Amino acid sequence: DLRILEAMNRKSTPESIRSTIKKLRKHIPGISIRTTMIVGFPGESAEEFEELCDFVSEMRFERLRVFEYSREEGTLAADLPHQIAKETKRRRKDRIMRLQQAISLENNEKYIGKTLKVLVEERFEDGSYEGRSEFDAPEIDNAVLFTSKKALEPGCFVPVKINDAFDYDLTGEYYEPSK
């Protein structure tokens, strides 16, 4: 909502954000867009929150994190009237994350059968691995859990053929390139 963006001292508008995202998706096929949002900013009405939910549903972000507004002494927002109750902020965050969970699963399912470039991050005792695709931020976004008959070192990029998708993670196996 424009009123909340202005209160947060943001220079963009809902329309400019939509336009930018649509241009990026049109000109960069396969782009993965991640963003963060704050819910419960002072004065955020139920209607404005519903607009945010509609925006999330419309934009279908590949990756999304939501934070509850946190009152910080010394900031302009800390002194604004109509601070939102902690429980309301938690419910709003949970609702958007439930929306995003379904969107994330749908986005992840598009990768089944495809091969992704994955950064190996950890090897487990059973010989399986955890990594992240080139689209994912460390310790924040999705993980790719995979197997490999070949020993792999953390820190290297490897091709992984995706065979299943979940809400936030993918599974697959190391894909030995043809020589």
Protein backbone atom coordinates (compact mmCIF):
# COMPACT_ATOMS: atom_id res chain seq x y z
CA ASP A 1 0.00 0.00 0.00
CA LEU A 2 1.30 3.42 -0.95
CA ARG A 3 0.49 4.96 2.44
CA ILE A 4 2.58 2.37 4.28
CA LEU A 5 5.46 2.65 1.78
CA GLU A 6 5.47 6.42 2.30
CA ALA A 7 5.34 6.02 6.09
CA MET A 8 8.37 3.70 5.83
CA ASN A 9 10.11 6.40 3.77
CA ARG A 10 10.25 4.17 0.68
CA LYS A 11 10.41 5.96 -2.66
CA SER A 12 8.73 3.26 -4.74
CA THR A 13 5.03 2.68 -5.30
CA PRO A 14 3.11 -0.59 -5.63
CA GLU A 15 2.75 0.16 -9.35
CA SER A 16 6.47 0.80 -9.86
CA ILE A 17 7.35 -2.42 -8.05
CA ARG A 18 4.87 -4.43 -10.17
CA SER A 19 6.20 -2.83 -13.34
CA THR A 20 9.83 -3.58 -12.45
CA ILE A 21 9.09 -7.21 -11.63
CA LYS A 22 7.10 -7.71 -14.85
CA LYS A 23 9.92 -6.17 -16.92
CA LEU A 24 12.53 -8.37 -15.24
CA ARG A 25 10.49 -11.53 -15.85
CA LYS A 26 9.84 -10.54 -19.47
CA HIS A 27 13.48 -9.76 -20.31
CA ILE A 28 15.26 -12.38 -18.17
CA PRO A 29 13.59 -15.77 -18.64
CA GLY A 30 14.14 -18.05 -15.66
CA ILE A 31 14.92 -15.18 -13.28
CA SER A 32 14.47 -15.97 -9.60
CA ILE A 33 13.22 -12.99 -7.60
CA ARG A 34 13.63 -12.89 -3.84
CA THR A 35 12.41 -10.21 -1.49
CA THR A 36 11.71 -9.44 2.13
CA MET A 37 8.69 -7.74 3.64
CA ILE A 38 7.74 -6.22 6.95
CA VAL A 39 4.28 -6.71 8.41
CA GLY A 40 2.78 -4.82 11.30
CA PHE A 41 4.28 -1.41 10.59
CA PRO A 42 2.56 1.17 12.84
CA GLY A 43 -0.87 2.02 11.48
CA GLU A 44 -1.04 -0.91 9.01
CA SER A 45 -4.78 -1.55 8.63
CA ALA A 46 -6.42 -4.90 7.98
CA GLU A 47 -7.27 -3.67 4.47
CA GLU A 48 -3.68 -2.67 3.76
CA PHE A 49 -2.52 -6.06 4.97
CA GLU A 50 -5.04 -7.73 2.60
CA GLU A 51 -3.52 -5.68 -0.24
CA LEU A 52 -0.10 -7.03 0.71
CA CYS A 53 -1.45 -10.60 0.62
CA ASP A 54 -2.95 -9.94 -2.82
CA PHE A 55 0.40 -8.52 -3.96
CA VAL A 56 2.26 -11.65 -2.80
CA SER A 57 -0.27 -13.87 -4.59
CA GLU A 58 0.01 -11.81 -7.77
CA MET A 59 3.81 -11.48 -7.89
CA ARG A 60 4.56 -15.14 -7.00
CA PHE A 61 8.06 -14.50 -5.68
CA GLU A 62 10.48 -17.40 -5.97
CA ARG A 63 11.87 -16.59 -2.54
CA LEU A 64 10.24 -14.52 0.19
CA ARG A 65 10.98 -13.76 3.83
CA VAL A 66 8.66 -11.85 6.11
CA PHE A 67 9.65 -10.00 9.25
CA GLU A 68 7.47 -8.53 11.94
CA TYR A 69 7.99 -4.82 12.46
CA SER A 70 10.15 -4.31 15.52
CA ARG A 71 9.97 -1.04 17.41
CA GLU A 72 13.48 0.39 17.73
CA GLU A 73 14.09 3.32 20.03
CA GLY A 74 15.49 6.37 18.28
CA THR A 75 13.78 5.65 14.95
CA LEU A 76 10.99 7.79 13.54
CA ALA A 77 8.63 4.79 13.41
CA ALA A 78 9.12 4.05 17.12
CA ASP A 79 7.14 7.18 17.96
CA LEU A 80 4.34 6.66 15.44
CA PRO A 81 0.84 6.13 16.81
CA HIS A 82 -1.13 2.93 16.28
CA GLN A 83 1.59 0.40 17.05
CA ILE A 84 0.41 -3.08 16.05
CA ALA A 85 0.00 -5.79 18.70
CA LYS A 86 2.65 -8.51 18.70
CA GLU A 87 0.05 -11.27 18.20
CA THR A 88 -1.44 -9.46 15.18
CA LYS A 89 2.02 -9.11 13.63
CA ARG A 90 2.70 -12.82 14.19
CA ARG A 91 -0.64 -13.83 12.62
CA ARG A 92 0.03 -11.59 9.61
CA LYS A 93 3.51 -12.99 9.11
CA ASP A 94 2.23 -16.56 9.38
CA ARG A 95 -0.55 -15.88 6.87
CA ILE A 96 1.83 -14.50 4.25
CA MET A 97 4.24 -17.38 4.80
CA ARG A 98 1.37 -19.87 4.28
CA LEU A 99 0.58 -18.11 1.00
CA GLN A 100 4.25 -18.24 0.05
CA GLN A 101 4.53 -21.91 0.99
CA ALA A 102 2.07 -22.87 -1.76
CA ILE A 103 3.75 -20.51 -4.24
CA SER A 104 7.17 -21.90 -3.37
CA LEU A 105 6.02 -25.49 -3.90
CA GLU A 106 4.56 -24.57 -7.29
CA ASN A 107 7.79 -22.78 -8.26
CA ASN A 108 9.93 -25.70 -7.05
CA GLU A 109 7.91 -28.24 -9.02
CA LYS A 110 9.06 -26.50 -12.23
CA TYR A 111 12.58 -27.79 -11.54
CA ILE A 112 11.68 -31.50 -11.47
CA GLY A 113 13.58 -33.22 -14.28
CA LYS A 114 15.90 -30.25 -14.79
CA THR A 115 19.57 -30.00 -13.90
CA LEU A 116 20.61 -27.14 -11.63
CA LYS A 117 24.02 -25.76 -10.78
CA VAL A 118 24.38 -26.45 -7.04
CA LEU A 119 27.00 -25.28 -4.56
CA VAL A 120 27.97 -28.20 -2.31
CA GLU A 121 27.80 -26.99 1.29
CA GLU A 122 27.80 -30.09 3.47
CA ARG A 123 28.43 -33.82 3.25
CA PHE A 124 26.53 -36.04 5.68
CA GLU A 125 27.75 -39.29 7.23
CA ASP A 126 25.39 -41.33 5.03
CA GLY A 127 27.12 -39.93 1.94
CA SER A 128 24.34 -37.54 0.95
CA TYR A 129 24.88 -33.83 0.45
CA GLU A 130 23.24 -30.50 1.05
CA GLY A 131 23.77 -27.51 -1.14
CA ARG A 132 22.01 -24.56 -2.66
CA SER A 133 21.20 -23.60 -6.17
CA GLU A 134 22.58 -20.51 -7.80
CA PHE A 135 19.24 -18.84 -6.99
CA ASP A 136 19.47 -19.26 -3.22
CA ALA A 137 21.02 -17.10 -0.51
CA PRO A 138 23.13 -18.91 2.09
CA GLU A 139 21.38 -19.95 5.31
CA ILE A 140 18.17 -18.22 4.21
CA ASP A 141 16.64 -19.85 1.16
CA ASN A 142 15.91 -23.32 -0.12
CA ALA A 143 18.29 -26.24 0.17
CA VAL A 144 19.04 -28.91 -2.40
CA LEU A 145 19.48 -32.34 -0.83
CA PHE A 146 21.16 -34.82 -3.15
CA THR A 147 23.13 -38.00 -3.51
CA SER A 148 26.30 -38.76 -5.43
CA LYS A 149 28.32 -41.89 -6.09
CA LYS A 150 31.31 -39.61 -6.59
CA ALA A 151 32.89 -37.92 -3.55
CA LEU A 152 32.29 -34.18 -3.70
CA GLU A 153 33.99 -31.39 -1.81
CA PRO A 154 32.10 -28.57 -0.10
CA GLY A 155 32.64 -25.32 -1.95
CA CYS A 156 32.43 -26.70 -5.48
CA PHE A 157 29.58 -26.27 -7.94
CA VAL A 158 28.11 -29.47 -9.39
CA PRO A 159 25.22 -30.32 -11.69
CA VAL A 160 22.30 -31.89 -9.81
CA LYS A 161 19.31 -33.43 -11.59
CA ILE A 162 16.20 -32.61 -9.56
CA ASN A 163 13.84 -35.50 -8.94
CA ASP A 164 11.45 -34.11 -6.32
CA ALA A 165 10.23 -30.81 -4.90
CA PHE A 166 8.91 -29.76 -1.53
CA ASP A 167 7.67 -26.48 -0.07
CA TYR A 168 11.13 -25.04 0.35
CA ASP A 169 13.61 -27.71 -0.69
CA LEU A 170 14.54 -29.81 -3.69
CA THR A 171 16.01 -33.30 -3.89
CA GLY A 172 18.08 -34.86 -6.62
CA GLU A 173 21.27 -36.61 -7.58
CA TYR A 174 24.63 -35.57 -8.89
CA TYR A 175 24.44 -35.61 -12.67
CA GLU A 176 27.64 -36.92 -14.25
CA PRO A 177 28.11 -34.86 -17.41
CA SER A 178 28.66 -36.81 -20.61
CA LYS A 179 32.24 -36.72 -21.82
